[in-house]
Structure formats: structure tokens, C-alpha cells
Protein backbone atom coordinates (compact mmCIF):
# COMPACT_ATOMS: atom_id res chain seq x y z
CA MET A 1 77.86 130.24 193.32
CA ASP A 2 77.00 131.92 197.11
CA TYR A 3 74.24 131.24 198.96
CA GLN A 4 72.92 130.19 202.02
CA TYR A 5 70.18 128.19 203.71
CA SER A 6 69.15 128.70 206.93
CA LEU A 7 67.38 126.05 208.43
CA LEU A 8 64.99 126.39 212.06
CA HIS A 9 65.86 122.34 213.53
CA LEU A 10 63.30 121.25 216.68
CA THR A 11 62.73 117.32 217.74
CA ASP A 12 61.24 115.29 220.20
CA VAL A 13 58.16 117.91 221.00
CA HIS A 14 56.31 115.69 222.44
CA VAL A 15 53.03 117.76 222.69
CA LEU A 16 50.43 116.12 224.44
CA PRO A 17 46.30 116.62 224.41
CA GLU A 18 46.46 118.50 228.06
CA GLY A 19 48.40 118.96 230.70
CA PRO A 20 52.61 118.26 231.05
CA LEU A 21 54.90 115.74 230.39
CA PHE A 22 56.05 113.91 233.66
CA GLY A 23 53.94 116.64 236.01
CA SER A 24 56.61 119.28 234.89
CA ALA A 25 57.07 119.20 231.57
CA ASP A 26 55.45 122.11 229.63
CA THR A 27 55.93 120.45 226.10
CA ARG A 28 53.79 122.96 224.13
CA ALA A 29 55.32 125.90 226.12
CA GLY A 30 58.74 124.28 224.99
CA LEU A 31 57.62 124.33 221.24
CA ALA A 32 56.23 128.03 221.51
CA ALA A 33 59.57 128.89 222.70
CA ALA A 34 61.03 127.63 220.13
CA LEU A 35 59.03 129.88 217.64
CA ASP A 36 58.56 132.43 219.11
CA ALA A 37 62.74 133.03 219.79
CA ALA A 38 62.82 132.25 215.71
CA VAL A 39 60.87 134.89 214.80
CA ALA A 40 62.40 137.49 217.64
CA SER A 41 65.33 136.86 216.22
CA GLY A 42 64.74 138.56 213.20
CA ARG A 43 66.64 136.17 211.01
CA ARG A 44 65.72 134.71 207.87
CA PHE A 45 64.63 130.73 207.81
CA ASP A 46 64.12 128.94 204.99
CA ALA A 47 62.32 126.05 206.60
CA ILE A 48 61.73 124.93 210.07
CA VAL A 49 62.48 120.87 209.99
CA LEU A 50 60.69 119.24 213.12
CA SER A 51 62.51 115.31 212.65
CA GLY A 52 59.89 113.34 214.99
CA ASP A 53 58.12 112.61 217.88
CA LEU A 54 56.19 115.67 217.09
CA THR A 55 53.43 114.70 219.75
CA ASP A 56 53.72 112.03 222.80
CA ALA A 57 50.65 110.07 222.39
CA GLY A 58 49.99 110.30 218.55
CA ASP A 59 46.41 111.50 218.74
CA GLU A 60 45.06 114.18 216.34
CA PRO A 61 44.36 117.12 218.51
CA SER A 62 48.28 117.25 219.23
CA TYR A 63 48.68 117.06 215.53
CA ARG A 64 46.85 119.97 215.34
CA ALA A 65 48.04 121.70 218.22
CA VAL A 66 51.35 121.58 216.60
CA ALA A 67 50.24 122.63 213.19
CA ALA A 68 49.03 125.72 214.66
CA LEU A 69 51.93 126.85 216.20
CA VAL A 70 54.29 125.65 213.69
CA GLU A 71 51.90 126.97 210.34
CA ALA A 72 51.82 130.36 212.56
CA ALA A 73 55.71 130.66 212.66
CA ALA A 74 56.46 129.86 209.22
CA GLU A 75 53.68 132.15 207.69
CA ARG A 76 55.84 134.93 210.26
CA LEU A 77 59.17 133.85 208.87
CA GLY A 78 58.41 133.21 205.18
CA ALA A 79 59.84 129.44 205.42
CA ARG A 80 58.79 125.65 204.61
CA ILE A 81 57.72 123.47 207.29
CA VAL A 82 59.26 119.92 207.15
CA TYR A 83 58.12 117.14 209.25
CA ALA A 84 59.76 113.41 210.06
CA ALA A 85 57.79 110.44 212.02
CA GLY A 86 59.13 109.22 215.56
CA ASN A 87 59.04 106.30 217.41
CA HIS A 88 55.82 107.89 219.34
CA ASP A 89 54.38 108.90 216.42
CA GLU A 90 51.19 107.93 214.58
CA ARG A 91 50.69 107.72 211.20
CA GLY A 92 46.88 108.38 210.12
CA ALA A 93 46.83 110.52 213.05
CA LEU A 94 49.95 112.76 211.98
CA ARG A 95 48.45 112.57 208.21
CA ALA A 96 45.50 113.46 209.47
CA GLY A 97 45.58 115.98 212.38
CA LEU A 98 49.23 117.35 211.11
CA LEU A 99 48.53 117.73 207.27
CA GLY A 100 44.46 117.15 206.46
CA LEU A 101 45.49 114.21 204.27
CA ASP A 102 43.81 110.82 204.18
CA PRO A 103 45.31 108.84 207.32
CA SER A 104 47.40 106.38 205.62
CA THR A 105 49.77 104.42 207.72
CA GLU A 106 52.38 104.04 205.09
CA PRO A 107 55.49 105.58 206.37
CA TYR A 108 55.77 108.77 205.81
CA VAL A 109 58.06 110.27 203.54
CA HIS A 110 58.45 113.96 201.86
CA VAL A 111 61.02 115.74 199.58
CA VAL A 112 60.97 119.51 199.91
CA ARG A 113 63.43 121.80 197.40
CA ILE A 114 64.27 125.18 199.01
CA GLY A 115 65.89 127.13 195.75
CA GLY A 116 68.71 125.08 195.36
CA LEU A 117 68.64 122.82 198.02
CA ARG A 118 67.06 119.59 198.82
CA ILE A 119 65.38 117.73 202.07
CA ILE A 120 64.79 114.63 202.39
CA THR A 121 62.52 112.92 205.28
CA LEU A 122 62.29 109.49 205.75
CA ASP A 123 60.32 107.90 208.49
CA THR A 124 61.84 105.38 210.70
CA SER A 125 59.29 104.35 213.09
CA VAL A 126 58.66 101.04 213.71
CA PRO A 127 54.60 101.08 214.72
CA GLY A 128 54.28 99.84 218.75
CA ARG A 129 58.00 99.93 219.58
CA SER A 130 60.71 102.89 220.44
CA HIS A 131 63.42 101.44 218.07
CA GLY A 132 64.03 101.98 213.88
CA GLU A 133 63.50 100.74 210.98
CA LEU A 134 64.30 101.47 207.70
CA ASP A 135 62.69 98.66 205.23
CA ALA A 136 63.90 97.78 201.80
CA ALA A 137 61.25 99.74 199.44
CA GLN A 138 62.13 103.02 201.67
CA LEU A 139 65.92 102.63 200.55
CA ALA A 140 64.94 102.18 197.59
CA TRP A 141 62.64 105.06 197.04
CA LEU A 142 65.81 107.48 198.89
CA ALA A 143 67.95 105.35 196.40
CA ALA A 144 65.83 106.95 193.31
CA GLN A 145 65.52 110.14 194.78
CA LEU A 146 69.37 110.68 195.15
CA ALA A 147 70.11 109.40 191.57
CA GLU A 148 69.88 112.76 190.77
CA PRO A 149 72.26 115.11 192.41
CA ALA A 150 70.38 118.37 193.75
CA GLU A 151 72.36 121.83 192.88
CA HIS A 152 73.14 122.80 196.24
CA GLY A 153 73.09 119.18 197.90
CA THR A 154 70.41 116.97 200.07
CA VAL A 155 69.93 117.47 203.65
CA LEU A 156 68.73 113.86 204.81
CA VAL A 157 66.39 114.63 207.79
CA LEU A 158 65.40 111.00 209.89
CA HIS A 159 64.04 110.43 213.69
CA HIS A 160 66.64 107.97 214.82
CA PRO A 161 69.99 108.97 214.27
CA PRO A 162 72.32 106.31 211.96
CA LEU A 163 74.86 106.17 214.67
CA ALA A 164 75.12 103.43 217.32
CA GLY A 165 75.72 104.40 221.15
CA LEU A 166 73.58 107.89 221.40
CA SER A 167 71.06 106.21 223.01
CA PRO A 168 71.30 104.01 226.42
CA GLY A 169 72.23 100.63 225.30
CA PHE A 170 69.14 98.96 226.17
CA GLU A 171 68.88 95.02 224.15
CA ASP A 172 66.61 92.72 224.24
CA PRO A 173 67.37 89.19 223.14
CA ARG A 174 64.00 89.35 220.85
CA HIS A 175 64.34 92.59 218.90
CA GLY A 176 67.72 93.41 219.73
CA PRO A 177 68.82 97.61 220.16
CA LEU A 178 65.36 98.44 221.93
CA LEU A 179 66.26 102.23 220.87
CA ASP A 180 68.48 102.48 218.16
CA LEU A 181 68.18 101.98 214.28
CA HIS A 182 68.62 98.87 213.09
CA GLU A 183 71.19 97.94 210.54
CA PRO A 184 72.41 101.00 209.85
CA HIS A 185 74.86 100.41 207.36
CA ARG A 186 71.90 99.61 204.83
CA LEU A 187 71.45 103.00 204.85
CA ALA A 188 74.88 103.69 204.91
CA GLU A 189 75.27 101.87 201.74
CA VAL A 190 72.80 104.27 199.92
CA VAL A 191 73.78 107.57 200.95
CA ARG A 192 77.41 107.08 200.61
CA GLY A 193 79.42 109.14 197.86
CA THR A 194 75.90 110.97 197.24
CA ASP A 195 74.83 114.55 197.37
CA VAL A 196 74.03 114.34 201.11
CA ARG A 197 75.82 116.91 202.56
CA LEU A 198 74.12 116.95 206.29
CA ILE A 199 72.23 114.20 208.23
CA LEU A 200 69.53 116.01 210.79
CA ALA A 201 68.55 113.11 213.69
CA GLY A 202 66.96 113.33 217.45
CA HIS A 203 65.63 111.12 219.02
CA THR A 204 68.10 111.13 222.11
CA HIS A 205 67.18 114.01 223.67
CA SER A 206 70.57 115.33 224.04
CA ALA A 207 72.65 117.30 221.19
CA ALA A 208 75.08 115.25 219.96
CA ALA A 209 77.53 115.12 216.38
CA GLY A 210 79.42 113.12 214.64
CA GLN A 211 79.70 111.53 211.37
CA PHE A 212 78.17 108.68 209.21
CA ALA A 213 79.02 106.99 206.11
CA GLY A 214 81.23 110.11 205.83
CA ILE A 215 78.10 112.73 206.25
CA PRO A 216 78.25 114.79 208.96
CA LEU A 217 75.74 114.02 211.50
CA TRP A 218 73.42 116.65 213.94
CA VAL A 219 71.14 115.09 216.25
CA GLY A 220 69.07 117.96 217.81
CA PRO A 221 68.23 118.67 221.56
CA ALA A 222 64.80 118.26 222.56
CA THR A 223 62.40 121.39 223.24
CA SER A 224 60.52 118.68 225.38
CA TYR A 225 63.32 117.64 227.76
CA ALA A 226 66.63 116.70 227.98
CA ALA A 227 67.93 113.40 228.99
CA ASP A 228 70.94 113.12 231.11
CA PRO A 229 74.28 112.10 229.11
CA LEU A 230 76.14 111.80 232.31
CA ALA A 231 73.19 109.88 234.39
CA PRO A 232 74.66 107.27 236.64
CA ALA A 233 74.80 103.81 234.84
CA ASP A 234 72.01 101.96 236.47
CA GLU A 235 69.42 105.11 236.32
CA VAL A 236 67.96 107.23 233.28
CA ARG A 237 67.38 110.75 234.17
CA GLY A 238 65.69 113.94 232.42
CA LEU A 239 66.00 117.29 233.22
CA PRO A 240 64.38 120.38 232.91
CA LEU A 241 66.42 121.91 230.04
CA GLN A 242 64.66 122.76 226.66
CA ALA A 243 66.55 123.51 223.31
CA CYS A 244 66.30 123.94 219.81
CA THR A 245 69.01 124.67 216.64
CA ARG A 246 69.72 127.17 214.36
CA VAL A 247 71.21 124.74 210.73
CA ASP A 248 73.17 127.07 208.11
CA ILE A 249 74.06 125.81 204.87
CA THR A 250 76.48 127.42 203.29
CA PRO A 251 78.98 126.30 200.14
CA GLU A 252 81.27 125.78 202.39
CA GLY A 253 79.57 123.42 204.58
CA PHE A 254 77.23 123.44 207.73
CA ARG A 255 77.05 125.35 210.97
CA ALA A 256 74.53 123.95 213.98
CA VAL A 257 74.41 127.07 216.56
CA LEU A 258 72.51 124.76 219.88
CA VAL A 259 69.94 127.55 221.29
CA PRO A 260 68.70 127.35 225.08
CA LEU A 261 65.00 128.34 225.64
CA ARG A 262 65.64 128.77 229.39
CA GLN A 263 64.45 132.02 230.06
CA GLU A 264 66.77 133.01 232.50
CA PRO A 265 67.84 137.03 232.74
CA ALA A 266 70.73 137.62 230.62
CA VAL A 267 74.12 138.14 231.69
CA TYR A 268 74.66 140.97 230.06
CA ARG A 269 73.57 143.23 227.39
CA MET A 270 74.88 145.63 224.64
CA PRO A 271 74.29 147.13 221.29
CA VAL A 272 75.81 145.15 218.38
CA ASP A 273 78.06 148.29 217.51
CA LYS A 274 79.49 149.08 221.10
CA LEU A 275 80.80 145.33 221.37
CA VAL A 276 82.02 145.81 217.53
CA GLY A 277 83.72 148.93 219.26
CA LEU A 278 84.69 147.16 221.73
CA LEU A 279 86.68 144.29 219.50
CA SER A 280 88.36 146.58 217.71
CA GLY A 281 89.80 148.70 220.08
CA ASP A 282 87.82 152.11 219.69
CA HIS A 283 87.39 152.58 222.89
């Protein structure tokens, strides 16, 4: 059976109540640019997937601002919306400001079905900390969901990538890695051999691809700013680069295409039919 699901993957949005992040990063404009690019493309998107750090301070006004932008774009695209919580998010404010729900502080997990595709969101956030964790209850819930395969498989969404080494290796003798997902092997035990076809994550502010428990992993670029993966070893550096990802799921696998959001003059523009003619030699 032939099918294609297209997802707009956004992450590390870091919307603030007002003003730019670090004095220069306009995070609302970054989110708006990603959504506007998707709408202007005329392409079909089945879901807008946001994999955490939706706000920078975890405040309700910022969540309401995120909701207004995302919901307007989703309506124009005819797309579903999938949210995950990150280390900058506050569960109660997220539920109240973003979803209009009671402000519970329980982990925010949910399941969205689009045709035969299932999208499962986990909550790796740890209140007051920057690293990620998945407790036994959340892993048991995930195992129960995966016990019955979806027709076209499952996409798993979480904020902290389950691969070590993608974030700066800061360690604390009391808390272990300060940015990574702790004990990722426990997640591997649950997802290995299931219908999970792709894992989408964020957190690092730098696009990366890998494999976890035999499953492809895509870590999306941030819409707020980019972390420089080649910064000197004794320094961390944020760059004024913003991007998002178009992800396509097909029977053969998946495609992740990075979409830069900087509004620079185009190097070239030409009609598609002209390019086809050039490539086919009809010129």
C-alpha cells in the first residue's frame, strides 16, 4: 500500500513573554518564519510536531503566544498539532496556557493517530533540571501503547535525544550528565523490536542524525538559534541561525530535509518546468 505522511518538525522554540532571547534572538519571529514557510510552500503537512522547549521561561502568556501562531498555521495547512515538553517547559503552565487544560504537573504524554500512522509523545523533562529522565511509569505506559502495532508504524517524539555525545559533555558528581537523557538503555529495552520507525528529538540546537536501538533518530535544528558544534572546547557559542525540518514517512522509510529560515536573497530562481527542461537536455 502506497502512502506518505509529511510532518513539519519544529523544536527549541524558546518563546519569551517579550523581547529577544540573549538580547538578539527573536524567537517569536523564528517560530512564525517556520510556520509561514510551510504555509507558503503549498505542500501538504499532516502534522506540526514541536519537540519541546516551547517557551524559555515556562510562563502561560508565552504558551498562549505559541498556541496562537501554531493553531493558525495548522488550520491553514489542515494539519494536526503534536507537542512535547522540554527542560525549559513547565508542565502546569503548558497544559493551561497551550492546551486549555487543568494545570497538572504530571508528565505530559499523548498519542495522535493520522490515518495508519501513530505519533507517541514522551515527557523527558525533569522539573528544575536541564537533563532528561523517563521514569518507570512512563516507560510502562509506552510499552503498553506499543504492544499493539499501528498499521503504518509509530513515530516517537521526545525532547532529549537518547544518544550520548550530542550535547556538551558537562558532568556533575551528584547528578551525572547535566544535559543528556539519563539511562537511555531503559528506553532502548522498550522500543527495540517494536513498530517505532523514527524518533524525533531536539534539545541540542543542532541538527543531527543517528540510530538508537536499531531505530533512526533525527534531532531537529532549533527555530530560535543554533548551538555551534565546532565551538572551542572551552566555550559554548550560539549562532543566529534558525531552521526546521520537513519529515516524510513512506513505506520505504523516511526523509528528513532541513529547511533554513534566514531570509537572504535567493542565489537563483526559475520555473520548475524550465529546470526540468535543462535536466532532460531539452534546451
